[in-house]
Amino acid sequence: MTHRPDLADILLQAAERLVRERSLSAVTLDAAANLAGVGVEEARAAFADDGALRRNLVQFYHAANREVLAFALRDVDTVEDFVRQAQHAVENYYQIFQRDPDMRDVWTEILTDREMRNYNVVQVTENAGLVCLLLRELLPHLPEAELTATVELMIHMTDVAARWAAARDADKGRAMLDAFCRLISLMAGDLLRLDHERAFADASSSRQSA
């Protein structure tokens, strides 16, 4: 059988249509092949089984999400810049989920699917790593455990807050989003305070040692 280099993309497009119109569990090689108009055996040349097709689909969504995150982290030189960009990113997620309820349902399924649990944890950890790499330069004295725990929690909360707010009526959703944006500011302010306290303690310890 001749391998078609575009076959994986064709099947992933069909898989995306299936997850949007039906569910993640509906994404199978048989269904995707039928929707794409290709034979099942031909489809297996691109993806070994249903799980492989689903994992690649989820990987596609996570990759797109990471691009959004990387874009949000551009031109951040201060903690205040980070807060502003983080709040702007939350707003963007909210607008996407509000305009596209299917996307909201897709992400809910991806993040609650048992088979994808470990993969999702890895993705969140990698996203947190991008943010921590940036914040480490801005908060050099903050303990690593404190920084990583806060950032991972913030990333989890961002997704939940944006999806939940988008599922409510406009007034309630906006109020919830504004409340979460204030929470981002408070969390960042607390990290900045802790960083200053640790810097002061380190400086005091150095003077005493001298």
N, C-alpha and C. Protein backbone atom coordinates (compact mmCIF):
# COMPACT_ATOMS: atom_id res chain seq x y z
N MET A 1 0.85 -1.20 0.00
CA MET A 1 0.00 0.00 0.00
C MET A 1 0.88 1.25 0.00
N THR A 2 0.63 2.16 -0.92
CA THR A 2 1.41 3.39 -1.02
C THR A 2 1.03 4.34 0.10
N HIS A 3 2.04 4.85 0.80
CA HIS A 3 1.78 5.77 1.91
C HIS A 3 1.45 7.16 1.39
N ARG A 4 0.39 7.73 1.87
CA ARG A 4 0.01 9.10 1.50
C ARG A 4 0.48 10.04 2.60
N PRO A 5 1.39 10.96 2.29
CA PRO A 5 1.93 11.85 3.33
C PRO A 5 0.88 12.76 3.96
N ASP A 6 -0.22 12.99 3.25
CA ASP A 6 -1.25 13.88 3.77
C ASP A 6 -2.34 13.13 4.52
N LEU A 7 -2.23 11.80 4.59
CA LEU A 7 -3.30 11.00 5.16
C LEU A 7 -3.53 11.31 6.63
N ALA A 8 -2.46 11.47 7.41
CA ALA A 8 -2.62 11.76 8.83
C ALA A 8 -3.38 13.07 9.03
N ASP A 9 -3.05 14.09 8.25
CA ASP A 9 -3.74 15.37 8.37
C ASP A 9 -5.22 15.23 8.01
N ILE A 10 -5.51 14.46 6.96
CA ILE A 10 -6.89 14.25 6.54
C ILE A 10 -7.69 13.56 7.64
N LEU A 11 -7.09 12.54 8.26
CA LEU A 11 -7.77 11.82 9.33
C LEU A 11 -7.92 12.67 10.58
N LEU A 12 -6.94 13.51 10.87
CA LEU A 12 -7.05 14.40 12.03
C LEU A 12 -8.14 15.44 11.82
N GLN A 13 -8.29 15.91 10.58
CA GLN A 13 -9.38 16.84 10.29
C GLN A 13 -10.73 16.17 10.50
N ALA A 14 -10.82 14.91 10.09
CA ALA A 14 -12.06 14.16 10.31
C ALA A 14 -12.28 13.93 11.80
N ALA A 15 -11.19 13.63 12.52
CA ALA A 15 -11.29 13.41 13.97
C ALA A 15 -11.75 14.67 14.68
N GLU A 16 -11.27 15.81 14.25
CA GLU A 16 -11.69 17.07 14.87
C GLU A 16 -13.18 17.31 14.64
N ARG A 17 -13.64 16.98 13.46
CA ARG A 17 -15.07 17.13 13.18
C ARG A 17 -15.88 16.19 14.07
N LEU A 18 -15.39 14.97 14.26
CA LEU A 18 -16.10 14.00 15.11
C LEU A 18 -16.16 14.46 16.56
N VAL A 19 -15.04 14.96 17.09
CA VAL A 19 -15.04 15.36 18.49
C VAL A 19 -15.90 16.59 18.70
N ARG A 20 -15.97 17.45 17.70
CA ARG A 20 -16.81 18.63 17.81
C ARG A 20 -18.30 18.28 17.72
N GLU A 21 -18.64 17.43 16.79
CA GLU A 21 -20.04 17.12 16.53
C GLU A 21 -20.60 16.04 17.45
N ARG A 22 -19.70 15.18 17.98
CA ARG A 22 -20.18 14.06 18.79
C ARG A 22 -19.47 14.03 20.15
N SER A 23 -18.30 13.43 20.21
CA SER A 23 -17.56 13.34 21.48
C SER A 23 -16.17 12.78 21.21
N LEU A 24 -15.31 12.83 22.23
CA LEU A 24 -13.97 12.28 22.10
C LEU A 24 -14.03 10.76 21.91
N SER A 25 -14.96 10.11 22.61
CA SER A 25 -15.08 8.65 22.48
C SER A 25 -15.55 8.24 21.09
N ALA A 26 -16.17 9.18 20.36
CA ALA A 26 -16.64 8.88 19.01
C ALA A 26 -15.51 8.94 17.99
N VAL A 27 -14.35 9.39 18.41
CA VAL A 27 -13.20 9.47 17.51
C VAL A 27 -12.56 8.08 17.41
N THR A 28 -12.87 7.37 16.35
CA THR A 28 -12.30 6.06 16.08
C THR A 28 -11.74 6.05 14.66
N LEU A 29 -10.87 5.10 14.39
CA LEU A 29 -10.32 4.98 13.04
C LEU A 29 -11.41 4.71 12.02
N ASP A 30 -12.34 3.83 12.38
CA ASP A 30 -13.44 3.51 11.46
C ASP A 30 -14.24 4.76 11.11
N ALA A 31 -14.62 5.52 12.14
CA ALA A 31 -15.45 6.70 11.93
C ALA A 31 -14.69 7.78 11.15
N ALA A 32 -13.42 8.00 11.50
CA ALA A 32 -12.62 9.01 10.83
C ALA A 32 -12.36 8.62 9.38
N ALA A 33 -12.06 7.34 9.15
CA ALA A 33 -11.81 6.87 7.78
C ALA A 33 -13.07 7.02 6.93
N ASN A 34 -14.21 6.65 7.51
CA ASN A 34 -15.47 6.77 6.78
C ASN A 34 -15.77 8.22 6.43
N LEU A 35 -15.53 9.12 7.41
CA LEU A 35 -15.80 10.53 7.18
C LEU A 35 -14.83 11.12 6.15
N ALA A 36 -13.59 10.63 6.16
CA ALA A 36 -12.58 11.15 5.24
C ALA A 36 -12.63 10.48 3.87
N GLY A 37 -13.42 9.41 3.78
CA GLY A 37 -13.53 8.72 2.49
C GLY A 37 -12.33 7.88 2.15
N VAL A 38 -11.69 7.28 3.16
CA VAL A 38 -10.54 6.41 2.92
C VAL A 38 -10.82 5.04 3.56
N GLY A 39 -10.09 4.04 3.13
CA GLY A 39 -10.27 2.70 3.68
C GLY A 39 -9.68 2.60 5.08
N VAL A 40 -10.24 1.71 5.90
CA VAL A 40 -9.77 1.54 7.28
C VAL A 40 -8.33 1.04 7.30
N GLU A 41 -8.00 0.09 6.42
CA GLU A 41 -6.63 -0.42 6.37
C GLU A 41 -5.66 0.67 5.98
N GLU A 42 -6.08 1.55 5.09
CA GLU A 42 -5.25 2.68 4.70
C GLU A 42 -5.06 3.62 5.89
N ALA A 43 -6.13 3.81 6.68
CA ALA A 43 -6.06 4.68 7.85
C ALA A 43 -5.08 4.13 8.88
N ARG A 44 -5.02 2.79 8.98
CA ARG A 44 -4.12 2.18 9.96
C ARG A 44 -2.65 2.37 9.58
N ALA A 45 -2.39 2.75 8.35
CA ALA A 45 -1.02 3.05 7.96
C ALA A 45 -0.56 4.37 8.58
N ALA A 46 -1.53 5.20 8.94
CA ALA A 46 -1.19 6.50 9.55
C ALA A 46 -1.28 6.43 11.07
N PHE A 47 -2.28 5.71 11.59
CA PHE A 47 -2.48 5.59 13.03
C PHE A 47 -2.75 4.12 13.36
N ALA A 48 -2.01 3.61 14.33
CA ALA A 48 -2.09 2.18 14.63
C ALA A 48 -3.47 1.75 15.13
N ASP A 49 -4.10 2.61 15.95
CA ASP A 49 -5.39 2.25 16.52
C ASP A 49 -6.16 3.50 16.91
N ASP A 50 -7.34 3.29 17.51
CA ASP A 50 -8.18 4.43 17.91
C ASP A 50 -7.45 5.33 18.90
N GLY A 51 -6.73 4.71 19.86
CA GLY A 51 -6.03 5.49 20.87
C GLY A 51 -4.98 6.40 20.27
N ALA A 52 -4.27 5.91 19.26
CA ALA A 52 -3.23 6.72 18.62
C ALA A 52 -3.86 7.92 17.92
N LEU A 53 -4.99 7.72 17.29
CA LEU A 53 -5.68 8.83 16.62
C LEU A 53 -6.13 9.87 17.64
N ARG A 54 -6.69 9.41 18.75
CA ARG A 54 -7.16 10.34 19.78
C ARG A 54 -5.99 11.10 20.40
N ARG A 55 -4.88 10.39 20.69
CA ARG A 55 -3.72 11.05 21.28
C ARG A 55 -3.16 12.14 20.35
N ASN A 56 -3.13 11.86 19.07
CA ASN A 56 -2.63 12.86 18.13
C ASN A 56 -3.58 14.05 18.02
N LEU A 57 -4.88 13.78 18.14
CA LEU A 57 -5.85 14.87 18.12
C LEU A 57 -5.67 15.75 19.36
N VAL A 58 -5.55 15.12 20.52
CA VAL A 58 -5.35 15.87 21.76
C VAL A 58 -4.04 16.64 21.71
N GLN A 59 -3.01 16.02 21.13
CA GLN A 59 -1.72 16.70 20.98
C GLN A 59 -1.87 17.95 20.13
N PHE A 60 -2.68 17.87 19.09
CA PHE A 60 -2.94 19.03 18.23
C PHE A 60 -3.55 20.18 19.03
N TYR A 61 -4.53 19.86 19.86
CA TYR A 61 -5.18 20.91 20.66
C TYR A 61 -4.22 21.50 21.69
N HIS A 62 -3.43 20.66 22.32
CA HIS A 62 -2.47 21.17 23.30
C HIS A 62 -1.40 22.04 22.63
N ALA A 63 -0.98 21.66 21.44
CA ALA A 63 0.03 22.45 20.72
C ALA A 63 -0.52 23.83 20.38
N ALA A 64 -1.78 23.87 19.95
CA ALA A 64 -2.40 25.15 19.64
C ALA A 64 -2.52 26.00 20.90
N ASN A 65 -2.84 25.36 22.01
CA ASN A 65 -2.95 26.08 23.28
C ASN A 65 -1.61 26.65 23.71
N ARG A 66 -0.53 25.87 23.49
CA ARG A 66 0.81 26.34 23.88
C ARG A 66 1.23 27.55 23.03
N GLU A 67 0.81 27.58 21.78
CA GLU A 67 1.11 28.73 20.93
C GLU A 67 0.44 29.99 21.48
N VAL A 68 -0.80 29.85 21.96
CA VAL A 68 -1.51 30.97 22.57
C VAL A 68 -0.77 31.45 23.81
N LEU A 69 -0.30 30.49 24.62
CA LEU A 69 0.42 30.83 25.83
C LEU A 69 1.73 31.54 25.52
N ALA A 70 2.48 31.01 24.54
CA ALA A 70 3.75 31.63 24.17
C ALA A 70 3.54 33.05 23.67
N PHE A 71 2.47 33.26 22.92
CA PHE A 71 2.16 34.60 22.41
C PHE A 71 1.83 35.54 23.57
N ALA A 72 1.13 35.03 24.57
CA ALA A 72 0.75 35.86 25.71
C ALA A 72 1.96 36.27 26.55
N LEU A 73 3.02 35.48 26.50
CA LEU A 73 4.20 35.76 27.33
C LEU A 73 5.21 36.70 26.65
N ARG A 74 4.90 37.14 25.46
CA ARG A 74 5.83 38.02 24.76
C ARG A 74 5.89 39.39 25.45
N ASP A 75 7.02 40.05 25.32
CA ASP A 75 7.19 41.43 25.81
C ASP A 75 6.82 41.58 27.29
N VAL A 76 7.18 40.60 28.10
CA VAL A 76 6.94 40.68 29.54
C VAL A 76 8.26 40.98 30.23
N ASP A 77 8.38 42.17 30.79
CA ASP A 77 9.61 42.60 31.45
C ASP A 77 9.46 42.79 32.95
N THR A 78 8.23 42.84 33.43
CA THR A 78 7.97 43.04 34.85
C THR A 78 6.83 42.14 35.28
N VAL A 79 6.66 41.99 36.59
CA VAL A 79 5.54 41.22 37.11
C VAL A 79 4.22 41.87 36.70
N GLU A 80 4.20 43.18 36.66
CA GLU A 80 2.99 43.89 36.23
C GLU A 80 2.65 43.56 34.78
N ASP A 81 3.69 43.47 33.94
CA ASP A 81 3.46 43.06 32.54
C ASP A 81 2.85 41.66 32.49
N PHE A 82 3.38 40.78 33.33
CA PHE A 82 2.87 39.40 33.35
C PHE A 82 1.40 39.37 33.75
N VAL A 83 1.05 40.11 34.78
CA VAL A 83 -0.35 40.15 35.23
C VAL A 83 -1.25 40.63 34.10
N ARG A 84 -0.83 41.69 33.42
CA ARG A 84 -1.64 42.24 32.33
C ARG A 84 -1.81 41.22 31.21
N GLN A 85 -0.73 40.56 30.83
CA GLN A 85 -0.80 39.58 29.76
C GLN A 85 -1.60 38.35 30.17
N ALA A 86 -1.46 37.93 31.41
CA ALA A 86 -2.22 36.78 31.90
C ALA A 86 -3.71 37.09 31.90
N GLN A 87 -4.07 38.27 32.34
CA GLN A 87 -5.47 38.67 32.33
C GLN A 87 -6.02 38.77 30.91
N HIS A 88 -5.17 39.24 30.01
CA HIS A 88 -5.58 39.33 28.60
C HIS A 88 -5.78 37.93 28.02
N ALA A 89 -4.92 36.98 28.40
CA ALA A 89 -5.05 35.61 27.91
C ALA A 89 -6.35 34.97 28.41
N VAL A 90 -6.69 35.22 29.68
CA VAL A 90 -7.95 34.71 30.23
C VAL A 90 -9.13 35.26 29.44
N GLU A 91 -9.07 36.53 29.14
CA GLU A 91 -10.13 37.16 28.34
C GLU A 91 -10.24 36.50 26.97
N ASN A 92 -9.11 36.21 26.34
CA ASN A 92 -9.13 35.57 25.03
C ASN A 92 -9.76 34.18 25.11
N TYR A 93 -9.36 33.40 26.12
CA TYR A 93 -9.94 32.07 26.29
C TYR A 93 -11.46 32.17 26.49
N TYR A 94 -11.86 33.10 27.31
CA TYR A 94 -13.28 33.29 27.58
C TYR A 94 -14.05 33.60 26.28
N GLN A 95 -13.50 34.51 25.47
CA GLN A 95 -14.15 34.89 24.23
C GLN A 95 -14.24 33.70 23.27
N ILE A 96 -13.18 32.91 23.21
CA ILE A 96 -13.19 31.72 22.34
C ILE A 96 -14.26 30.75 22.78
N PHE A 97 -14.31 30.45 24.08
CA PHE A 97 -15.28 29.48 24.58
C PHE A 97 -16.71 30.01 24.50
N GLN A 98 -16.87 31.31 24.61
CA GLN A 98 -18.21 31.89 24.52
C GLN A 98 -18.72 31.84 23.08
N ARG A 99 -17.84 32.13 22.12
CA ARG A 99 -18.24 32.13 20.71
C ARG A 99 -18.36 30.71 20.17
N ASP A 100 -17.63 29.78 20.75
CA ASP A 100 -17.56 28.43 20.22
C ASP A 100 -17.83 27.41 21.33
N PRO A 101 -19.11 27.18 21.65
CA PRO A 101 -19.44 26.21 22.72
C PRO A 101 -18.90 24.81 22.45
N ASP A 102 -18.79 24.42 21.17
CA ASP A 102 -18.25 23.10 20.86
C ASP A 102 -16.81 22.98 21.36
N MET A 103 -16.03 24.05 21.20
CA MET A 103 -14.65 24.03 21.68
C MET A 103 -14.61 23.89 23.20
N ARG A 104 -15.54 24.53 23.87
CA ARG A 104 -15.63 24.40 25.33
C ARG A 104 -15.88 22.95 25.72
N ASP A 105 -16.78 22.29 25.01
CA ASP A 105 -17.08 20.90 25.30
C ASP A 105 -15.89 19.99 24.98
N VAL A 106 -15.19 20.29 23.89
CA VAL A 106 -14.03 19.50 23.50
C VAL A 106 -12.97 19.54 24.60
N TRP A 107 -12.66 20.74 25.09
CA TRP A 107 -11.64 20.86 26.13
C TRP A 107 -12.06 20.20 27.43
N THR A 108 -13.34 20.28 27.74
CA THR A 108 -13.84 19.63 28.95
C THR A 108 -13.62 18.13 28.85
N GLU A 109 -13.92 17.56 27.69
CA GLU A 109 -13.72 16.12 27.50
C GLU A 109 -12.25 15.75 27.55
N ILE A 110 -11.41 16.53 26.88
CA ILE A 110 -9.98 16.23 26.85
C ILE A 110 -9.40 16.20 28.26
N LEU A 111 -9.76 17.20 29.05
CA LEU A 111 -9.16 17.34 30.37
C LEU A 111 -9.74 16.40 31.42
N THR A 112 -10.85 15.75 31.10
CA THR A 112 -11.45 14.82 32.06
C THR A 112 -11.37 13.37 31.58
N ASP A 113 -10.80 13.15 30.41
CA ASP A 113 -10.69 11.79 29.88
C ASP A 113 -9.62 11.01 30.65
N ARG A 114 -9.96 9.82 31.14
CA ARG A 114 -9.03 9.04 31.95
C ARG A 114 -7.80 8.61 31.17
N GLU A 115 -7.99 8.25 29.92
CA GLU A 115 -6.86 7.80 29.11
C GLU A 115 -5.87 8.91 28.84
N MET A 116 -6.34 10.15 28.88
CA MET A 116 -5.48 11.30 28.58
C MET A 116 -4.93 11.96 29.84
N ARG A 117 -5.26 11.41 31.01
CA ARG A 117 -4.91 12.06 32.27
C ARG A 117 -3.40 12.34 32.38
N ASN A 118 -2.60 11.31 32.19
CA ASN A 118 -1.15 11.50 32.33
C ASN A 118 -0.60 12.44 31.28
N TYR A 119 -1.11 12.32 30.06
CA TYR A 119 -0.65 13.21 28.99
C TYR A 119 -1.00 14.66 29.30
N ASN A 120 -2.21 14.88 29.82
CA ASN A 120 -2.63 16.23 30.17
C ASN A 120 -1.75 16.82 31.27
N VAL A 121 -1.38 15.99 32.24
CA VAL A 121 -0.51 16.45 33.32
C VAL A 121 0.84 16.90 32.75
N VAL A 122 1.36 16.12 31.81
CA VAL A 122 2.64 16.49 31.18
C VAL A 122 2.50 17.82 30.45
N GLN A 123 1.40 18.02 29.75
CA GLN A 123 1.20 19.26 29.00
C GLN A 123 1.11 20.46 29.93
N VAL A 124 0.37 20.32 31.01
CA VAL A 124 0.24 21.42 31.97
C VAL A 124 1.60 21.72 32.61
N THR A 125 2.34 20.67 32.92
CA THR A 125 3.66 20.84 33.51
C THR A 125 4.59 21.58 32.56
N GLU A 126 4.53 21.24 31.27
CA GLU A 126 5.37 21.92 30.28
C GLU A 126 4.95 23.38 30.12
N ASN A 127 3.64 23.63 30.13
CA ASN A 127 3.16 25.00 30.05
C ASN A 127 3.63 25.80 31.26
N ALA A 128 3.53 25.17 32.42
CA ALA A 128 3.98 25.83 33.65
C ALA A 128 5.47 26.12 33.57
N GLY A 129 6.22 25.22 32.94
CA GLY A 129 7.65 25.43 32.79
C GLY A 129 7.97 26.68 31.99
N LEU A 130 7.18 26.93 30.94
CA LEU A 130 7.38 28.13 30.14
C LEU A 130 7.17 29.39 30.98
N VAL A 131 6.10 29.36 31.78
CA VAL A 131 5.78 30.52 32.62
C VAL A 131 6.83 30.69 33.71
N CYS A 132 7.22 29.57 34.32
CA CYS A 132 8.23 29.64 35.41
C CYS A 132 9.56 30.15 34.90
N LEU A 133 9.92 29.76 33.69
CA LEU A 133 11.18 30.23 33.11
C LEU A 133 11.19 31.74 33.01
N LEU A 134 10.06 32.30 32.66
CA LEU A 134 9.94 33.76 32.57
C LEU A 134 9.93 34.39 33.95
N LEU A 135 9.09 33.86 34.84
CA LEU A 135 8.95 34.46 36.17
C LEU A 135 10.19 34.29 37.03
N ARG A 136 10.99 33.25 36.74
CA ARG A 136 12.21 33.06 37.52
C ARG A 136 13.14 34.26 37.38
N GLU A 137 13.17 34.87 36.20
CA GLU A 137 14.00 36.05 35.99
C GLU A 137 13.44 37.26 36.72
N LEU A 138 12.11 37.29 36.88
CA LEU A 138 11.48 38.44 37.54
C LEU A 138 11.39 38.26 39.05
N LEU A 139 11.43 36.99 39.50
CA LEU A 139 11.32 36.68 40.93
C LEU A 139 12.48 35.76 41.31
N PRO A 140 13.70 36.25 41.28
CA PRO A 140 14.88 35.39 41.43
C PRO A 140 15.06 34.77 42.82
N HIS A 141 14.41 35.34 43.84
CA HIS A 141 14.61 34.85 45.20
C HIS A 141 13.49 33.93 45.67
N LEU A 142 12.46 33.76 44.86
CA LEU A 142 11.32 32.95 45.26
C LEU A 142 11.69 31.47 45.24
N PRO A 143 11.36 30.72 46.29
CA PRO A 143 11.66 29.28 46.30
C PRO A 143 11.02 28.57 45.12
N GLU A 144 11.74 27.63 44.53
CA GLU A 144 11.27 26.94 43.33
C GLU A 144 9.93 26.25 43.56
N ALA A 145 9.78 25.59 44.69
CA ALA A 145 8.54 24.87 44.97
C ALA A 145 7.35 25.82 45.02
N GLU A 146 7.56 26.98 45.61
CA GLU A 146 6.48 27.97 45.70
C GLU A 146 6.09 28.48 44.32
N LEU A 147 7.09 28.73 43.49
CA LEU A 147 6.82 29.25 42.14
C LEU A 147 6.09 28.23 41.29
N THR A 148 6.61 27.01 41.22
CA THR A 148 6.01 26.01 40.34
C THR A 148 4.61 25.62 40.78
N ALA A 149 4.40 25.50 42.09
CA ALA A 149 3.07 25.14 42.59
C ALA A 149 2.05 26.21 42.24
N THR A 150 2.43 27.47 42.42
CA THR A 150 1.51 28.57 42.14
C THR A 150 1.19 28.67 40.66
N VAL A 151 2.21 28.52 39.82
CA VAL A 151 2.00 28.64 38.38
C VAL A 151 1.14 27.50 37.85
N GLU A 152 1.41 26.27 38.28
CA GLU A 152 0.59 25.15 37.83
C GLU A 152 -0.87 25.32 38.26
N LEU A 153 -1.06 25.76 39.48
CA LEU A 153 -2.42 26.00 39.97
C LEU A 153 -3.10 27.09 39.15
N MET A 154 -2.37 28.15 38.83
CA MET A 154 -2.93 29.24 38.06
C MET A 154 -3.35 28.78 36.67
N ILE A 155 -2.54 27.91 36.06
CA ILE A 155 -2.87 27.40 34.73
C ILE A 155 -4.13 26.55 34.79
N HIS A 156 -4.24 25.67 35.77
CA HIS A 156 -5.46 24.86 35.93
C HIS A 156 -6.67 25.76 36.14
N MET A 157 -6.54 26.73 37.00
CA MET A 157 -7.66 27.61 37.34
C MET A 157 -8.07 28.47 36.15
N THR A 158 -7.12 28.86 35.33
CA THR A 158 -7.42 29.68 34.16
C THR A 158 -8.35 28.95 33.21
N ASP A 159 -8.03 27.71 32.94
CA ASP A 159 -8.87 26.92 32.04
C ASP A 159 -10.28 26.74 32.60
N VAL A 160 -10.36 26.37 33.87
CA VAL A 160 -11.67 26.14 34.50
C VAL A 160 -12.49 27.43 34.54
N ALA A 161 -11.85 28.52 34.95
CA ALA A 161 -12.56 29.80 35.07
C ALA A 161 -13.10 30.27 33.74
N ALA A 162 -12.29 30.18 32.68
CA ALA A 162 -12.71 30.65 31.36
C ALA A 162 -13.86 29.80 30.82
N ARG A 163 -13.75 28.48 30.97
CA ARG A 163 -14.82 27.60 30.46
C ARG A 163 -16.10 27.76 31.26
N TRP A 164 -15.97 27.87 32.58
CA TRP A 164 -17.15 27.97 33.42
C TRP A 164 -17.86 29.31 33.21
N ALA A 165 -17.08 30.38 33.12
CA ALA A 165 -17.68 31.70 32.90
C ALA A 165 -18.39 31.75 31.54
N ALA A 166 -17.79 31.11 30.53
CA ALA A 166 -18.39 31.13 29.19
C ALA A 166 -19.68 30.34 29.14
N ALA A 167 -19.87 29.43 30.09
CA ALA A 167 -21.09 28.62 30.11
C ALA A 167 -22.25 29.33 30.80
N ARG A 168 -21.97 30.46 31.46
CA ARG A 168 -23.01 31.20 32.17
C ARG A 168 -23.57 32.31 31.30
N ASP A 169 -24.61 32.99 31.78
CA ASP A 169 -25.13 34.13 31.03
C ASP A 169 -24.09 35.25 31.03
N ALA A 170 -24.26 36.20 30.12
CA ALA A 170 -23.21 37.21 29.87
C ALA A 170 -22.83 37.98 31.13
N ASP A 171 -23.82 38.43 31.91
CA ASP A 171 -23.52 39.22 33.11
C ASP A 171 -22.79 38.41 34.17
N LYS A 172 -23.29 37.21 34.42
CA LYS A 172 -22.65 36.35 35.42
C LYS A 172 -21.25 35.94 34.95
N GLY A 173 -21.13 35.59 33.68
CA GLY A 173 -19.84 35.20 33.14
C GLY A 173 -18.81 36.31 33.25
N ARG A 174 -19.22 37.53 32.94
CA ARG A 174 -18.31 38.67 33.02
C ARG A 174 -17.89 38.93 34.46
N ALA A 175 -18.81 38.83 35.38
CA ALA A 175 -18.49 39.05 36.80
C ALA A 175 -17.49 37.99 37.29
N MET A 176 -17.70 36.74 36.87
CA MET A 176 -16.79 35.67 37.27
C MET A 176 -15.40 35.88 36.68
N LEU A 177 -15.36 36.31 35.42
CA LEU A 177 -14.08 36.53 34.76
C LEU A 177 -13.32 37.68 35.42
N ASP A 178 -14.04 38.76 35.74
CA ASP A 178 -13.40 39.90 36.42
C ASP A 178 -12.86 39.48 37.78
N ALA A 179 -13.62 38.64 38.49
CA ALA A 179 -13.16 38.17 39.80
C ALA A 179 -11.90 37.34 39.66
N PHE A 180 -11.83 36.50 38.63
CA PHE A 180 -10.64 35.68 38.46
C PHE A 180 -9.43 36.54 38.06
N CYS A 181 -9.66 37.55 37.26
CA CYS A 181 -8.56 38.46 36.89
C CYS A 181 -8.01 39.18 38.12
N ARG A 182 -8.89 39.52 39.06
CA ARG A 182 -8.41 40.12 40.30
C ARG A 182 -7.59 39.11 41.10
N LEU A 183 -8.01 37.85 41.05
CA LEU A 183 -7.29 36.79 41.75
C LEU A 183 -5.88 36.62 41.18
N ILE A 184 -5.75 36.71 39.86
CA ILE A 184 -4.43 36.63 39.23
C ILE A 184 -3.53 37.73 39.76
N SER A 185 -4.09 38.93 39.85
CA SER A 185 -3.31 40.07 40.35
C SER A 185 -2.89 39.86 41.80
N LEU A 186 -3.80 39.32 42.61
CA LEU A 186 -3.48 39.06 44.02
C LEU A 186 -2.41 37.98 44.17
N MET A 187 -2.51 36.93 43.38
CA MET A 187 -1.53 35.85 43.44
C MET A 187 -0.14 36.35 43.02
N ALA A 188 -0.11 37.14 41.96
CA ALA A 188 1.16 37.68 41.50
C ALA A 188 1.75 38.63 42.53
N GLY A 189 0.89 39.43 43.15
CA GLY A 189 1.36 40.35 44.19
C GLY A 189 1.92 39.60 45.38
N ASP A 190 1.32 38.47 45.71
CA ASP A 190 1.81 37.66 46.83
C ASP A 190 3.17 37.06 46.51
N LEU A 191 3.34 36.59 45.26
CA LEU A 191 4.64 36.06 44.85
C LEU A 191 5.72 37.15 44.92
N LEU A 192 5.36 38.35 44.50
CA LEU A 192 6.32 39.45 44.54
C LEU A 192 6.71 39.78 45.98
N ARG A 193 5.73 39.75 46.88
CA ARG A 193 6.00 40.00 48.30
C ARG A 193 6.93 38.95 48.87
N LEU A 194 6.65 37.69 48.56
CA LEU A 194 7.49 36.59 49.05
C LEU A 194 8.91 36.70 48.51
N ASP A 195 9.03 37.10 47.26
CA ASP A 195 10.35 37.27 46.66
C ASP A 195 11.13 38.36 47.37
N HIS A 196 10.47 39.47 47.68
CA HIS A 196 11.13 40.58 48.39
C HIS A 196 11.55 40.14 49.80
N GLU A 197 10.68 39.40 50.46
CA GLU A 197 10.99 38.93 51.82
C GLU A 197 12.19 37.99 51.81
N ARG A 198 12.24 37.09 50.82
CA ARG A 198 13.36 36.17 50.75
C ARG A 198 14.66 36.93 50.40
N ALA A 199 14.57 37.92 49.54
CA ALA A 199 15.75 38.71 49.19
C ALA A 199 16.28 39.45 50.41
N PHE A 200 15.35 40.01 51.21
CA PHE A 200 15.75 40.73 52.43
C PHE A 200 16.40 39.77 53.43
N ALA A 201 15.80 38.57 53.57
CA ALA A 201 16.34 37.58 54.51
C ALA A 201 17.72 37.12 54.08
N ASP A 202 17.91 36.92 52.78
CA ASP A 202 19.20 36.48 52.28
C ASP A 202 20.26 37.56 52.49
N ALA A 203 19.86 38.82 52.27
CA ALA A 203 20.79 39.92 52.44
C ALA A 203 21.18 40.06 53.91
N SER A 204 20.22 39.90 54.82
CA SER A 204 20.49 39.99 56.25
C SER A 204 21.41 38.86 56.69
N SER A 205 21.19 37.66 56.18
CA SER A 205 22.02 36.52 56.51
C SER A 205 23.46 36.73 56.02
N SER A 206 23.60 37.33 54.85
CA SER A 206 24.94 37.59 54.31
C SER A 206 25.69 38.61 55.15
N ARG A 207 24.97 39.63 55.60
CA ARG A 207 25.62 40.66 56.43
C ARG A 207 26.09 40.07 57.78
N GLN A 208 25.23 39.20 58.35
CA GLN A 208 25.58 38.58 59.62
C GLN A 208 26.79 37.64 59.48
N SER A 209 26.85 36.95 58.36
CA SER A 209 27.98 36.04 58.12
C SER A 209 29.29 36.80 57.95
N ALA A 210 29.15 38.00 57.32
CA ALA A 210 30.35 38.81 57.12
C ALA A 210 30.84 39.37 58.44
